[in-house]
């Protein structure tokens, strides 16, 4: 039992390190969006693999650890959120804490769902790919909620800025402020999360064909 736990801890640590390396490597040549968010080199797939190999329960533990690592990597953004003016006038501690909770803790811990289909779909490759899609969709939804609550005031500017397609202005004219704010968050976060979801699912589908990768360890 002790040997199994040690192997699980060691393997999870290695996969989390790979996830961080993939993200940092992507930062070298893939630009981030102006208000945060970036397409990476399928950096979340190693976390999905942990959940698949060791079960969703352990997957959440590993994903929560990954969330803390992501918060450390985003220390510049996190610290800026606690400064006056980030969300408007004054220092809005509540909004800063909410951003940390949604954009980091919840958004990355939900990746623990990556192994949700491991006992439901016999095809391991498909199970890993669908698990990746569900896990990353969970992250996407967290960012949508955060974007709507904290940054929907940027919606009108976003859709009417110079160079934006004409349909943006039509949205501003036709939608209520609430729907416009939600639409803004869906569109903005989708600019990096949708490609990330597609790339990760494809990579999971290919990686899942390797028996050693999708072997269940519990």
N, C-alpha and C. Protein backbone atom coordinates (compact mmCIF):
# COMPACT_ATOMS: atom_id res chain seq x y z
N UNK A 1 0.82 -1.21 0.00
CA UNK A 1 0.00 0.00 0.00
C UNK A 1 0.86 1.26 0.00
N UNK A 2 1.89 1.26 0.84
CA UNK A 2 2.79 2.41 0.91
C UNK A 2 3.50 2.63 -0.41
N UNK A 3 3.91 1.53 -1.05
CA UNK A 3 4.58 1.62 -2.34
C UNK A 3 3.66 2.23 -3.39
N UNK A 4 2.37 1.84 -3.35
CA UNK A 4 1.39 2.36 -4.30
C UNK A 4 1.19 3.85 -4.10
N UNK A 5 1.07 4.28 -2.85
CA UNK A 5 0.89 5.71 -2.55
C UNK A 5 2.10 6.52 -2.98
N UNK A 6 3.27 5.96 -2.74
CA UNK A 6 4.50 6.66 -3.14
C UNK A 6 4.56 6.82 -4.65
N UNK A 7 4.18 5.76 -5.35
CA UNK A 7 4.18 5.83 -6.82
C UNK A 7 3.17 6.86 -7.31
N UNK A 8 2.01 6.88 -6.67
CA UNK A 8 0.96 7.84 -7.07
C UNK A 8 1.43 9.27 -6.86
N UNK A 9 2.04 9.53 -5.72
CA UNK A 9 2.55 10.87 -5.42
C UNK A 9 3.66 11.27 -6.39
N UNK A 10 4.57 10.35 -6.64
CA UNK A 10 5.70 10.64 -7.53
C UNK A 10 5.22 10.89 -8.95
N UNK A 11 4.35 10.03 -9.42
CA UNK A 11 3.83 10.18 -10.79
C UNK A 11 3.04 11.48 -10.94
N UNK A 12 2.22 11.79 -9.95
CA UNK A 12 1.42 13.01 -10.01
C UNK A 12 2.31 14.25 -10.01
N UNK A 13 3.34 14.22 -9.18
CA UNK A 13 4.27 15.35 -9.13
C UNK A 13 4.95 15.55 -10.48
N UNK A 14 5.35 14.45 -11.09
CA UNK A 14 6.02 14.54 -12.40
C UNK A 14 5.08 15.10 -13.46
N UNK A 15 3.83 14.63 -13.46
CA UNK A 15 2.87 15.11 -14.45
C UNK A 15 2.52 16.58 -14.24
N UNK A 16 2.44 17.00 -12.98
CA UNK A 16 2.19 18.41 -12.70
C UNK A 16 3.37 19.27 -13.17
N UNK A 17 4.56 18.77 -13.00
CA UNK A 17 5.74 19.49 -13.49
C UNK A 17 5.69 19.61 -15.01
N UNK A 18 5.29 18.54 -15.68
CA UNK A 18 5.17 18.58 -17.14
C UNK A 18 4.13 19.62 -17.55
N UNK A 19 3.02 19.68 -16.81
CA UNK A 19 1.97 20.66 -17.12
C UNK A 19 2.50 22.08 -17.03
N UNK A 20 3.27 22.36 -15.98
CA UNK A 20 3.82 23.71 -15.80
C UNK A 20 4.84 24.02 -16.90
N UNK A 21 5.67 23.04 -17.23
CA UNK A 21 6.68 23.25 -18.29
C UNK A 21 6.01 23.53 -19.63
N UNK A 22 4.94 22.80 -19.93
CA UNK A 22 4.22 23.02 -21.19
C UNK A 22 3.64 24.44 -21.24
N UNK A 23 3.12 24.90 -20.12
CA UNK A 23 2.56 26.25 -20.08
C UNK A 23 3.64 27.31 -20.21
N UNK A 24 4.72 27.15 -19.48
CA UNK A 24 5.81 28.13 -19.55
C UNK A 24 6.45 28.16 -20.93
N UNK A 25 6.55 27.01 -21.55
CA UNK A 25 7.09 26.96 -22.91
C UNK A 25 6.19 27.71 -23.89
N UNK A 26 4.88 27.54 -23.72
CA UNK A 26 3.93 28.23 -24.59
C UNK A 26 4.05 29.75 -24.45
N UNK A 27 4.35 30.21 -23.24
CA UNK A 27 4.47 31.65 -23.00
C UNK A 27 5.64 32.27 -23.77
N UNK A 28 6.58 31.44 -24.18
CA UNK A 28 7.74 31.96 -24.89
C UNK A 28 7.41 32.41 -26.32
N UNK A 29 6.39 31.78 -26.93
CA UNK A 29 6.11 32.13 -28.33
C UNK A 29 4.63 32.27 -28.68
N UNK A 30 3.74 32.03 -27.72
CA UNK A 30 2.31 32.25 -27.95
C UNK A 30 1.87 33.44 -27.12
N UNK A 31 1.43 34.52 -27.74
CA UNK A 31 1.07 35.73 -26.98
C UNK A 31 -0.19 35.53 -26.14
N UNK A 32 -0.21 36.16 -24.98
CA UNK A 32 -1.40 36.16 -24.14
C UNK A 32 -2.40 37.18 -24.65
N UNK A 33 -3.67 36.97 -24.35
CA UNK A 33 -4.69 37.95 -24.70
C UNK A 33 -4.54 39.17 -23.79
N UNK A 34 -5.03 40.33 -24.23
CA UNK A 34 -4.82 41.57 -23.47
C UNK A 34 -5.29 41.53 -22.02
N UNK A 35 -6.41 40.83 -21.76
CA UNK A 35 -6.95 40.80 -20.41
C UNK A 35 -6.82 39.41 -19.77
N UNK A 36 -5.80 38.70 -20.18
CA UNK A 36 -5.56 37.39 -19.60
C UNK A 36 -6.09 36.26 -20.46
N UNK A 37 -5.51 35.08 -20.29
CA UNK A 37 -5.91 33.93 -21.08
C UNK A 37 -4.94 33.67 -22.22
N UNK A 38 -4.67 32.39 -22.47
CA UNK A 38 -3.68 32.03 -23.48
C UNK A 38 -3.88 30.60 -23.93
N UNK A 39 -3.66 30.38 -25.21
CA UNK A 39 -3.62 29.01 -25.71
C UNK A 39 -2.26 28.42 -25.33
N UNK A 40 -2.25 27.21 -24.77
CA UNK A 40 -1.00 26.61 -24.33
C UNK A 40 -0.72 25.34 -25.14
N UNK A 41 0.37 24.70 -24.81
CA UNK A 41 0.73 23.44 -25.46
C UNK A 41 0.06 22.29 -24.71
N UNK A 42 -1.28 22.28 -24.76
CA UNK A 42 -2.13 21.29 -24.06
C UNK A 42 -1.62 21.05 -22.63
N UNK A 43 -1.35 22.15 -21.93
CA UNK A 43 -0.73 22.05 -20.61
C UNK A 43 -1.62 21.39 -19.56
N UNK A 44 -2.93 21.34 -19.79
CA UNK A 44 -3.83 20.75 -18.80
C UNK A 44 -4.00 19.24 -18.97
N UNK A 45 -3.53 18.71 -20.08
CA UNK A 45 -3.69 17.28 -20.34
C UNK A 45 -3.01 16.41 -19.28
N UNK A 46 -1.81 16.74 -18.80
CA UNK A 46 -1.22 15.91 -17.74
C UNK A 46 -2.10 15.79 -16.49
N UNK A 47 -2.83 16.85 -16.15
CA UNK A 47 -3.73 16.80 -15.00
C UNK A 47 -4.90 15.87 -15.28
N UNK A 48 -5.39 15.91 -16.51
CA UNK A 48 -6.47 15.00 -16.92
C UNK A 48 -5.98 13.54 -16.84
N UNK A 49 -4.76 13.31 -17.25
CA UNK A 49 -4.19 11.96 -17.21
C UNK A 49 -4.10 11.46 -15.77
N UNK A 50 -3.72 12.34 -14.84
CA UNK A 50 -3.67 11.94 -13.43
C UNK A 50 -5.03 11.45 -12.97
N UNK A 51 -6.07 12.20 -13.30
CA UNK A 51 -7.42 11.83 -12.90
C UNK A 51 -7.85 10.51 -13.53
N UNK A 52 -7.46 10.30 -14.78
CA UNK A 52 -7.83 9.06 -15.46
C UNK A 52 -7.12 7.86 -14.84
N UNK A 53 -5.87 8.00 -14.57
CA UNK A 53 -5.07 6.88 -14.07
C UNK A 53 -5.39 6.55 -12.61
N UNK A 54 -5.65 7.57 -11.81
CA UNK A 54 -5.79 7.36 -10.36
C UNK A 54 -7.18 7.64 -9.82
N UNK A 55 -8.10 7.99 -10.68
CA UNK A 55 -9.47 8.22 -10.24
C UNK A 55 -9.78 9.69 -10.00
N UNK A 56 -11.05 10.01 -10.09
CA UNK A 56 -11.48 11.41 -9.98
C UNK A 56 -11.17 11.99 -8.60
N UNK A 57 -11.35 11.19 -7.56
CA UNK A 57 -11.10 11.70 -6.21
C UNK A 57 -9.66 12.21 -6.07
N UNK A 58 -8.71 11.39 -6.49
CA UNK A 58 -7.32 11.84 -6.45
C UNK A 58 -7.07 12.91 -7.50
N UNK A 59 -7.82 12.83 -8.59
CA UNK A 59 -7.69 13.85 -9.63
C UNK A 59 -7.99 15.24 -9.10
N UNK A 60 -8.99 15.34 -8.24
CA UNK A 60 -9.32 16.64 -7.64
C UNK A 60 -8.21 17.13 -6.72
N UNK A 61 -7.58 16.20 -6.00
CA UNK A 61 -6.46 16.58 -5.13
C UNK A 61 -5.32 17.14 -5.95
N UNK A 62 -4.98 16.43 -7.03
CA UNK A 62 -3.89 16.88 -7.90
C UNK A 62 -4.26 18.19 -8.60
N UNK A 63 -5.52 18.30 -9.03
CA UNK A 63 -5.95 19.50 -9.73
C UNK A 63 -5.96 20.71 -8.79
N UNK A 64 -6.31 20.51 -7.53
CA UNK A 64 -6.26 21.61 -6.57
C UNK A 64 -4.82 22.08 -6.36
N UNK A 65 -3.90 21.12 -6.31
CA UNK A 65 -2.48 21.47 -6.21
C UNK A 65 -2.05 22.27 -7.42
N UNK A 66 -2.53 21.83 -8.60
CA UNK A 66 -2.23 22.54 -9.84
C UNK A 66 -2.80 23.96 -9.80
N UNK A 67 -3.98 24.11 -9.22
CA UNK A 67 -4.60 25.44 -9.09
C UNK A 67 -3.72 26.37 -8.25
N UNK A 68 -3.15 25.86 -7.18
CA UNK A 68 -2.27 26.66 -6.34
C UNK A 68 -0.99 27.04 -7.09
N UNK A 69 -0.48 26.11 -7.88
CA UNK A 69 0.70 26.40 -8.70
C UNK A 69 0.38 27.48 -9.74
N UNK A 70 -0.81 27.40 -10.34
CA UNK A 70 -1.22 28.40 -11.32
C UNK A 70 -1.36 29.77 -10.66
N UNK A 71 -1.85 29.79 -9.45
CA UNK A 71 -1.97 31.06 -8.73
C UNK A 71 -0.59 31.65 -8.45
N UNK A 72 0.36 30.78 -8.14
CA UNK A 72 1.73 31.25 -7.92
C UNK A 72 2.32 31.81 -9.21
N UNK A 73 2.07 31.12 -10.32
CA UNK A 73 2.56 31.61 -11.62
C UNK A 73 1.91 32.93 -11.99
N UNK A 74 0.66 33.09 -11.59
CA UNK A 74 -0.06 34.33 -11.89
C UNK A 74 0.01 35.34 -10.77
N UNK A 75 1.07 35.28 -9.97
CA UNK A 75 1.19 36.15 -8.80
C UNK A 75 1.10 37.63 -9.16
N UNK A 76 1.62 37.99 -10.32
CA UNK A 76 1.59 39.39 -10.74
C UNK A 76 0.14 39.86 -10.92
N UNK A 77 -0.66 39.04 -11.58
CA UNK A 77 -2.06 39.38 -11.79
C UNK A 77 -2.84 39.35 -10.49
N UNK A 78 -2.58 38.33 -9.67
CA UNK A 78 -3.29 38.19 -8.40
C UNK A 78 -3.01 39.39 -7.49
N UNK A 79 -1.75 39.77 -7.39
CA UNK A 79 -1.40 40.91 -6.52
C UNK A 79 -2.00 42.21 -7.06
N UNK A 80 -2.04 42.34 -8.39
CA UNK A 80 -2.61 43.56 -8.98
C UNK A 80 -4.09 43.68 -8.68
N UNK A 81 -4.78 42.55 -8.56
CA UNK A 81 -6.22 42.57 -8.29
C UNK A 81 -6.55 43.17 -6.93
N UNK A 82 -5.58 43.16 -6.03
CA UNK A 82 -5.81 43.70 -4.69
C UNK A 82 -5.41 45.17 -4.58
N UNK A 83 -4.96 45.74 -5.69
CA UNK A 83 -4.57 47.15 -5.69
C UNK A 83 -5.75 48.03 -6.12
N UNK A 84 -5.76 49.29 -5.67
CA UNK A 84 -6.85 50.21 -6.06
C UNK A 84 -6.93 50.38 -7.57
N UNK A 85 -8.15 50.40 -8.09
CA UNK A 85 -8.37 50.68 -9.49
C UNK A 85 -8.47 49.47 -10.40
N UNK A 86 -8.13 48.30 -9.92
CA UNK A 86 -8.15 47.12 -10.80
C UNK A 86 -9.57 46.80 -11.25
N UNK A 87 -10.53 46.89 -10.34
CA UNK A 87 -11.93 46.63 -10.67
C UNK A 87 -12.76 47.91 -10.67
N UNK A 88 -12.10 49.03 -10.63
CA UNK A 88 -12.80 50.30 -10.54
C UNK A 88 -12.21 51.15 -9.42
N UNK A 89 -12.99 51.99 -8.86
CA UNK A 89 -12.50 52.87 -7.80
C UNK A 89 -12.34 52.10 -6.50
N UNK A 90 -11.24 52.40 -5.81
CA UNK A 90 -11.00 51.80 -4.51
C UNK A 90 -10.41 50.41 -4.60
N UNK A 91 -10.11 49.83 -3.46
CA UNK A 91 -9.59 48.47 -3.38
C UNK A 91 -10.74 47.53 -3.07
N UNK A 92 -11.17 46.77 -4.04
CA UNK A 92 -12.33 45.91 -3.87
C UNK A 92 -11.87 44.51 -3.51
N UNK A 93 -11.65 44.28 -2.23
CA UNK A 93 -11.11 43.02 -1.74
C UNK A 93 -12.02 41.85 -2.12
N UNK A 94 -13.32 42.07 -2.00
CA UNK A 94 -14.25 40.97 -2.30
C UNK A 94 -14.10 40.49 -3.74
N UNK A 95 -14.02 41.44 -4.68
CA UNK A 95 -13.88 41.07 -6.09
C UNK A 95 -12.54 40.39 -6.35
N UNK A 96 -11.49 40.85 -5.67
CA UNK A 96 -10.18 40.23 -5.84
C UNK A 96 -10.20 38.78 -5.35
N UNK A 97 -10.84 38.56 -4.20
CA UNK A 97 -10.95 37.20 -3.67
C UNK A 97 -11.81 36.34 -4.58
N UNK A 98 -12.88 36.93 -5.12
CA UNK A 98 -13.75 36.18 -6.03
C UNK A 98 -13.01 35.80 -7.30
N UNK A 99 -12.16 36.70 -7.79
CA UNK A 99 -11.36 36.38 -8.97
C UNK A 99 -10.44 35.20 -8.69
N UNK A 100 -9.79 35.22 -7.53
CA UNK A 100 -8.91 34.10 -7.17
C UNK A 100 -9.69 32.80 -7.07
N UNK A 101 -10.88 32.87 -6.48
CA UNK A 101 -11.69 31.67 -6.29
C UNK A 101 -12.17 31.09 -7.61
N UNK A 102 -12.62 31.96 -8.54
CA UNK A 102 -13.18 31.48 -9.79
C UNK A 102 -12.14 31.21 -10.86
N UNK A 103 -11.23 32.17 -11.07
CA UNK A 103 -10.26 32.07 -12.17
C UNK A 103 -9.08 31.17 -11.86
N UNK A 104 -8.89 30.84 -10.60
CA UNK A 104 -7.76 29.98 -10.25
C UNK A 104 -8.22 28.71 -9.53
N UNK A 105 -8.74 28.86 -8.31
CA UNK A 105 -9.07 27.67 -7.51
C UNK A 105 -10.11 26.80 -8.21
N UNK A 106 -11.26 27.38 -8.54
CA UNK A 106 -12.32 26.58 -9.17
C UNK A 106 -11.94 26.17 -10.60
N UNK A 107 -11.40 27.11 -11.37
CA UNK A 107 -11.14 26.86 -12.79
C UNK A 107 -10.14 25.73 -13.02
N UNK A 108 -9.18 25.58 -12.12
CA UNK A 108 -8.18 24.52 -12.33
C UNK A 108 -8.47 23.27 -11.51
N UNK A 109 -9.14 23.42 -10.37
CA UNK A 109 -9.51 22.24 -9.59
C UNK A 109 -10.51 21.37 -10.34
N UNK A 110 -11.36 22.01 -11.15
CA UNK A 110 -12.37 21.26 -11.90
C UNK A 110 -11.73 20.32 -12.93
N UNK A 111 -10.46 20.51 -13.21
CA UNK A 111 -9.77 19.59 -14.13
C UNK A 111 -9.70 18.18 -13.56
N UNK A 112 -9.98 18.06 -12.26
CA UNK A 112 -10.03 16.73 -11.65
C UNK A 112 -11.11 15.84 -12.24
N UNK A 113 -12.02 16.43 -13.00
CA UNK A 113 -13.07 15.65 -13.67
C UNK A 113 -12.54 14.87 -14.86
N UNK A 114 -11.28 15.03 -15.17
CA UNK A 114 -10.71 14.40 -16.37
C UNK A 114 -10.89 12.90 -16.46
N UNK A 115 -11.01 12.22 -15.33
CA UNK A 115 -11.16 10.77 -15.34
C UNK A 115 -12.59 10.30 -15.21
N UNK A 116 -13.54 11.19 -15.45
CA UNK A 116 -14.95 10.88 -15.18
C UNK A 116 -15.49 9.73 -16.04
N UNK A 117 -14.90 9.52 -17.22
CA UNK A 117 -15.42 8.48 -18.12
C UNK A 117 -14.58 7.21 -18.11
N UNK A 118 -13.62 7.11 -17.23
CA UNK A 118 -12.70 5.97 -17.30
C UNK A 118 -13.38 4.64 -17.04
N UNK A 119 -14.46 4.62 -16.28
CA UNK A 119 -15.21 3.39 -16.04
C UNK A 119 -16.56 3.38 -16.77
N UNK A 120 -16.78 4.38 -17.61
CA UNK A 120 -18.05 4.49 -18.32
C UNK A 120 -17.91 4.26 -19.83
N UNK A 121 -16.74 4.52 -20.36
CA UNK A 121 -16.49 4.30 -21.79
C UNK A 121 -15.36 3.28 -21.92
N UNK A 122 -15.64 2.19 -22.60
CA UNK A 122 -14.65 1.12 -22.69
C UNK A 122 -13.42 1.52 -23.49
N UNK A 123 -13.63 2.26 -24.55
CA UNK A 123 -12.50 2.72 -25.36
C UNK A 123 -11.70 3.74 -24.55
N UNK A 124 -10.50 3.37 -24.15
CA UNK A 124 -9.72 4.24 -23.26
C UNK A 124 -9.36 5.56 -23.91
N UNK A 125 -9.05 5.51 -25.19
CA UNK A 125 -8.69 6.72 -25.90
C UNK A 125 -9.85 7.71 -25.92
N UNK A 126 -11.05 7.19 -26.21
CA UNK A 126 -12.24 8.04 -26.23
C UNK A 126 -12.58 8.53 -24.83
N UNK A 127 -12.41 7.66 -23.83
CA UNK A 127 -12.71 8.05 -22.45
C UNK A 127 -11.82 9.20 -22.00
N UNK A 128 -10.55 9.13 -22.36
CA UNK A 128 -9.62 10.19 -21.99
C UNK A 128 -9.96 11.49 -22.72
N UNK A 129 -10.31 11.39 -23.99
CA UNK A 129 -10.64 12.58 -24.78
C UNK A 129 -11.91 13.25 -24.27
N UNK A 130 -12.95 12.46 -24.01
CA UNK A 130 -14.19 13.03 -23.50
C UNK A 130 -14.00 13.61 -22.10
N UNK A 131 -13.17 12.93 -21.31
CA UNK A 131 -12.87 13.46 -19.97
C UNK A 131 -12.16 14.80 -20.06
N UNK A 132 -11.25 14.91 -21.01
CA UNK A 132 -10.54 16.18 -21.22
C UNK A 132 -11.52 17.28 -21.61
N UNK A 133 -12.46 16.96 -22.50
CA UNK A 133 -13.44 17.95 -22.93
C UNK A 133 -14.31 18.43 -21.76
N UNK A 134 -14.77 17.49 -20.95
CA UNK A 134 -15.61 17.86 -19.80
C UNK A 134 -14.82 18.70 -18.81
N UNK A 135 -13.59 18.29 -18.53
CA UNK A 135 -12.76 19.01 -17.58
C UNK A 135 -12.48 20.44 -18.04
N UNK A 136 -12.11 20.59 -19.31
CA UNK A 136 -11.81 21.93 -19.82
C UNK A 136 -13.07 22.77 -20.00
N UNK A 137 -14.19 22.12 -20.28
CA UNK A 137 -15.45 22.86 -20.33
C UNK A 137 -15.79 23.41 -18.95
N UNK A 138 -15.48 22.63 -17.93
CA UNK A 138 -15.69 23.12 -16.57
C UNK A 138 -14.86 24.35 -16.29
N UNK A 139 -13.61 24.34 -16.74
CA UNK A 139 -12.77 25.52 -16.57
C UNK A 139 -13.34 26.71 -17.36
N UNK A 140 -13.76 26.45 -18.57
CA UNK A 140 -14.34 27.50 -19.41
C UNK A 140 -15.54 28.16 -18.73
N UNK A 141 -16.41 27.35 -18.14
CA UNK A 141 -17.59 27.88 -17.45
C UNK A 141 -17.21 28.74 -16.25
N UNK A 142 -16.15 28.34 -15.55
CA UNK A 142 -15.67 29.15 -14.42
C UNK A 142 -15.22 30.52 -14.88
N UNK A 143 -14.50 30.56 -16.00
CA UNK A 143 -14.03 31.84 -16.53
C UNK A 143 -15.18 32.68 -17.07
N UNK A 144 -16.17 32.02 -17.64
CA UNK A 144 -17.34 32.76 -18.12
C UNK A 144 -18.04 33.44 -16.95
N UNK A 145 -18.23 32.71 -15.86
CA UNK A 145 -18.88 33.28 -14.68
C UNK A 145 -18.07 34.43 -14.11
N UNK A 146 -16.77 34.23 -14.00
CA UNK A 146 -15.89 35.28 -13.48
C UNK A 146 -15.92 36.51 -14.38
N UNK A 147 -15.82 36.28 -15.69
CA UNK A 147 -15.82 37.39 -16.63
C UNK A 147 -17.09 38.20 -16.57
N UNK A 148 -18.22 37.50 -16.42
CA UNK A 148 -19.49 38.21 -16.35
C UNK A 148 -19.61 39.03 -15.06
N UNK A 149 -19.27 38.41 -13.94
CA UNK A 149 -19.41 39.09 -12.65
C UNK A 149 -18.44 40.26 -12.50
N UNK A 150 -17.21 40.06 -12.93
CA UNK A 150 -16.15 41.02 -12.62
C UNK A 150 -15.82 41.99 -13.75
N UNK A 151 -16.05 41.56 -15.00
CA UNK A 151 -15.54 42.39 -16.11
C UNK A 151 -16.57 42.71 -17.19
N UNK A 152 -17.84 42.48 -16.92
CA UNK A 152 -18.85 42.72 -17.95
C UNK A 152 -18.97 44.20 -18.32
N UNK A 153 -18.43 45.09 -17.49
CA UNK A 153 -18.47 46.53 -17.81
C UNK A 153 -17.64 46.85 -19.06
N UNK A 154 -16.77 45.93 -19.45
CA UNK A 154 -15.95 46.12 -20.66
C UNK A 154 -16.66 45.66 -21.93
N UNK A 155 -17.85 45.08 -21.78
CA UNK A 155 -18.52 44.45 -22.92
C UNK A 155 -18.76 45.42 -24.07
N UNK A 156 -19.34 46.58 -23.78
CA UNK A 156 -19.65 47.52 -24.86
C UNK A 156 -18.38 47.98 -25.57
N UNK A 157 -17.34 48.29 -24.80
CA UNK A 157 -16.07 48.69 -25.41
C UNK A 157 -15.51 47.57 -26.26
N UNK A 158 -15.56 46.36 -25.76
CA UNK A 158 -14.98 45.21 -26.46
C UNK A 158 -15.62 45.02 -27.83
N UNK A 159 -16.94 45.08 -27.89
CA UNK A 159 -17.64 44.81 -29.14
C UNK A 159 -17.65 45.98 -30.11
N UNK A 160 -17.26 47.17 -29.65
CA UNK A 160 -17.30 48.34 -30.54
C UNK A 160 -15.92 48.93 -30.81
N UNK A 161 -14.86 48.27 -30.33
CA UNK A 161 -13.53 48.81 -30.56
C UNK A 161 -13.17 48.74 -32.04
N UNK A 162 -12.26 49.59 -32.42
CA UNK A 162 -11.86 49.66 -33.83
C UNK A 162 -11.29 48.33 -34.30
N UNK A 163 -11.74 47.88 -35.45
CA UNK A 163 -11.26 46.63 -36.01
C UNK A 163 -12.13 45.44 -35.69
N UNK A 164 -13.10 45.62 -34.74
CA UNK A 164 -13.98 44.50 -34.41
C UNK A 164 -15.04 44.35 -35.50
N UNK A 165 -15.44 43.13 -35.84
CA UNK A 165 -16.46 42.93 -36.89
C UNK A 165 -17.74 43.72 -36.60
N UNK A 166 -18.44 44.05 -37.66
CA UNK A 166 -19.63 44.90 -37.54
C UNK A 166 -20.71 44.28 -36.65
N UNK A 167 -20.74 42.95 -36.55
CA UNK A 167 -21.78 42.33 -35.73
C UNK A 167 -21.64 42.67 -34.26
N UNK A 168 -20.44 43.13 -33.86
CA UNK A 168 -20.25 43.52 -32.47
C UNK A 168 -21.11 44.71 -32.09
N UNK A 169 -21.12 45.72 -32.95
CA UNK A 169 -21.95 46.91 -32.70
C UNK A 169 -23.43 46.54 -32.69
N UNK A 170 -23.83 45.61 -33.54
CA UNK A 170 -25.23 45.18 -33.57
C UNK A 170 -25.62 44.47 -32.27
N UNK A 171 -24.68 43.73 -31.70
CA UNK A 171 -24.95 43.08 -30.42
C UNK A 171 -25.20 44.13 -29.33
N UNK A 172 -24.36 45.14 -29.30
CA UNK A 172 -24.50 46.19 -28.30
C UNK A 172 -25.85 46.87 -28.39
N UNK A 173 -26.32 47.06 -29.61
CA UNK A 173 -27.60 47.74 -29.82
C UNK A 173 -28.80 46.85 -29.50
N UNK A 174 -28.65 45.55 -29.69
CA UNK A 174 -29.81 44.66 -29.59
C UNK A 174 -29.95 43.91 -28.28
N UNK A 175 -28.84 43.77 -27.52
CA UNK A 175 -28.89 42.96 -26.31
C UNK A 175 -29.00 43.82 -25.06
N UNK A 176 -29.63 43.26 -24.04
CA UNK A 176 -29.70 43.93 -22.75
C UNK A 176 -28.32 43.92 -22.11
N UNK A 177 -28.04 44.79 -21.15
CA UNK A 177 -26.72 44.81 -20.51
C UNK A 177 -26.32 43.45 -19.91
N UNK A 178 -27.28 42.74 -19.34
CA UNK A 178 -26.98 41.44 -18.74
C UNK A 178 -26.56 40.42 -19.80
N UNK A 179 -27.35 40.30 -20.85
CA UNK A 179 -27.04 39.34 -21.92
C UNK A 179 -25.75 39.74 -22.63
N UNK A 180 -25.55 41.04 -22.80
CA UNK A 180 -24.33 41.51 -23.45
C UNK A 180 -23.11 41.15 -22.62
N UNK A 181 -23.23 41.30 -21.31
CA UNK A 181 -22.12 40.95 -20.43
C UNK A 181 -21.78 39.47 -20.49
N UNK A 182 -22.82 38.63 -20.53
CA UNK A 182 -22.59 37.19 -20.63
C UNK A 182 -21.96 36.85 -21.98
N UNK A 183 -22.49 37.46 -23.03
CA UNK A 183 -21.97 37.22 -24.38
C UNK A 183 -20.50 37.62 -24.47
N UNK A 184 -20.17 38.75 -23.88
CA UNK A 184 -18.78 39.21 -23.87
C UNK A 184 -17.87 38.18 -23.20
N UNK A 185 -18.30 37.67 -22.06
CA UNK A 185 -17.47 36.70 -21.34
C UNK A 185 -17.32 35.40 -22.11
N UNK A 186 -18.43 34.96 -22.75
CA UNK A 186 -18.38 33.73 -23.56
C UNK A 186 -17.43 33.89 -24.74
N UNK A 187 -17.53 35.04 -25.43
CA UNK A 187 -16.70 35.28 -26.61
C UNK A 187 -15.24 35.45 -26.23
N UNK A 188 -14.98 36.32 -25.24
CA UNK A 188 -13.58 36.59 -24.89
C UNK A 188 -12.88 35.33 -24.39
N UNK A 189 -13.48 34.66 -23.43
CA UNK A 189 -12.83 33.46 -22.88
C UNK A 189 -12.80 32.32 -23.89
N UNK A 190 -13.76 32.33 -24.81
CA UNK A 190 -13.77 31.31 -25.86
C UNK A 190 -12.63 31.47 -26.85
N UNK A 191 -12.07 32.68 -26.93
CA UNK A 191 -10.99 32.93 -27.88
C UNK A 191 -9.76 32.07 -27.58
N UNK A 192 -9.58 31.71 -26.32
CA UNK A 192 -8.45 30.83 -26.00
C UNK A 192 -8.90 29.46 -25.49
N UNK A 193 -10.08 29.40 -24.83
CA UNK A 193 -10.50 28.13 -24.26
C UNK A 193 -11.02 27.15 -25.32
N UNK A 194 -11.72 27.64 -26.34
CA UNK A 194 -12.24 26.72 -27.37
C UNK A 194 -11.10 26.06 -28.14
N UNK A 195 -10.10 26.82 -28.65
CA UNK A 195 -8.96 26.15 -29.30
C UNK A 195 -8.23 25.21 -28.34
N UNK A 196 -8.11 25.61 -27.08
CA UNK A 196 -7.43 24.76 -26.10
C UNK A 196 -8.19 23.45 -25.89
N UNK A 197 -9.50 23.53 -25.83
CA UNK A 197 -10.32 22.33 -25.66
C UNK A 197 -10.16 21.39 -26.84
N UNK A 198 -10.18 21.93 -28.05
CA UNK A 198 -10.06 21.11 -29.25
C UNK A 198 -8.69 20.45 -29.31
N UNK A 199 -7.64 21.23 -29.09
CA UNK A 199 -6.28 20.69 -29.15
C UNK A 199 -6.05 19.63 -28.08
N UNK A 200 -6.57 19.88 -26.88
CA UNK A 200 -6.38 18.94 -25.77
C UNK A 200 -7.13 17.64 -26.03
N UNK A 201 -8.35 17.75 -26.57
CA UNK A 201 -9.13 16.54 -26.87
C UNK A 201 -8.43 15.69 -27.94
N UNK A 202 -7.89 16.35 -28.96
CA UNK A 202 -7.18 15.62 -30.02
C UNK A 202 -5.93 14.95 -29.44
N UNK A 203 -5.18 15.70 -28.63
CA UNK A 203 -3.97 15.14 -28.01
C UNK A 203 -4.33 13.98 -27.10
N UNK A 204 -5.44 14.09 -26.36
CA UNK A 204 -5.87 13.02 -25.47
C UNK A 204 -6.27 11.79 -26.26
N UNK A 205 -6.94 12.01 -27.39
CA UNK A 205 -7.35 10.90 -28.23
C UNK A 205 -6.14 10.12 -28.75
N UNK A 206 -5.09 10.83 -29.11
CA UNK A 206 -3.87 10.19 -29.61
C UNK A 206 -3.10 9.54 -28.46
N UNK A 207 -2.97 10.27 -27.36
CA UNK A 207 -2.21 9.75 -26.22
C UNK A 207 -2.89 8.54 -25.61
N UNK A 208 -4.22 8.53 -25.68
CA UNK A 208 -4.97 7.43 -25.10
C UNK A 208 -4.76 6.11 -25.80
N UNK A 209 -4.17 6.13 -26.97
CA UNK A 209 -3.88 4.89 -27.71
C UNK A 209 -2.67 4.15 -27.15
N UNK A 210 -1.95 4.84 -26.24
CA UNK A 210 -0.78 4.21 -25.61
C UNK A 210 -1.23 3.52 -24.33
N UNK A 211 -1.22 2.20 -24.26
CA UNK A 211 -1.74 1.49 -23.09
C UNK A 211 -1.12 1.90 -21.77
N UNK A 212 0.17 2.20 -21.80
CA UNK A 212 0.87 2.58 -20.57
C UNK A 212 0.36 3.89 -20.01
N UNK A 213 -0.18 4.75 -20.86
CA UNK A 213 -0.68 6.04 -20.42
C UNK A 213 -2.03 5.90 -19.75
N UNK A 214 -2.90 5.08 -20.31
CA UNK A 214 -4.26 4.98 -19.83
C UNK A 214 -4.48 3.80 -18.86
N UNK A 215 -3.40 3.21 -18.40
CA UNK A 215 -3.54 2.13 -17.41
C UNK A 215 -4.07 2.70 -16.12
N UNK A 216 -5.05 2.03 -15.52
CA UNK A 216 -5.65 2.51 -14.28
C UNK A 216 -4.82 2.00 -13.11
N UNK A 217 -4.48 2.91 -12.20
CA UNK A 217 -3.55 2.57 -11.13
C UNK A 217 -4.21 2.33 -9.78
N UNK A 218 -5.56 2.32 -9.77
CA UNK A 218 -6.21 2.03 -8.49
C UNK A 218 -7.25 0.91 -8.66
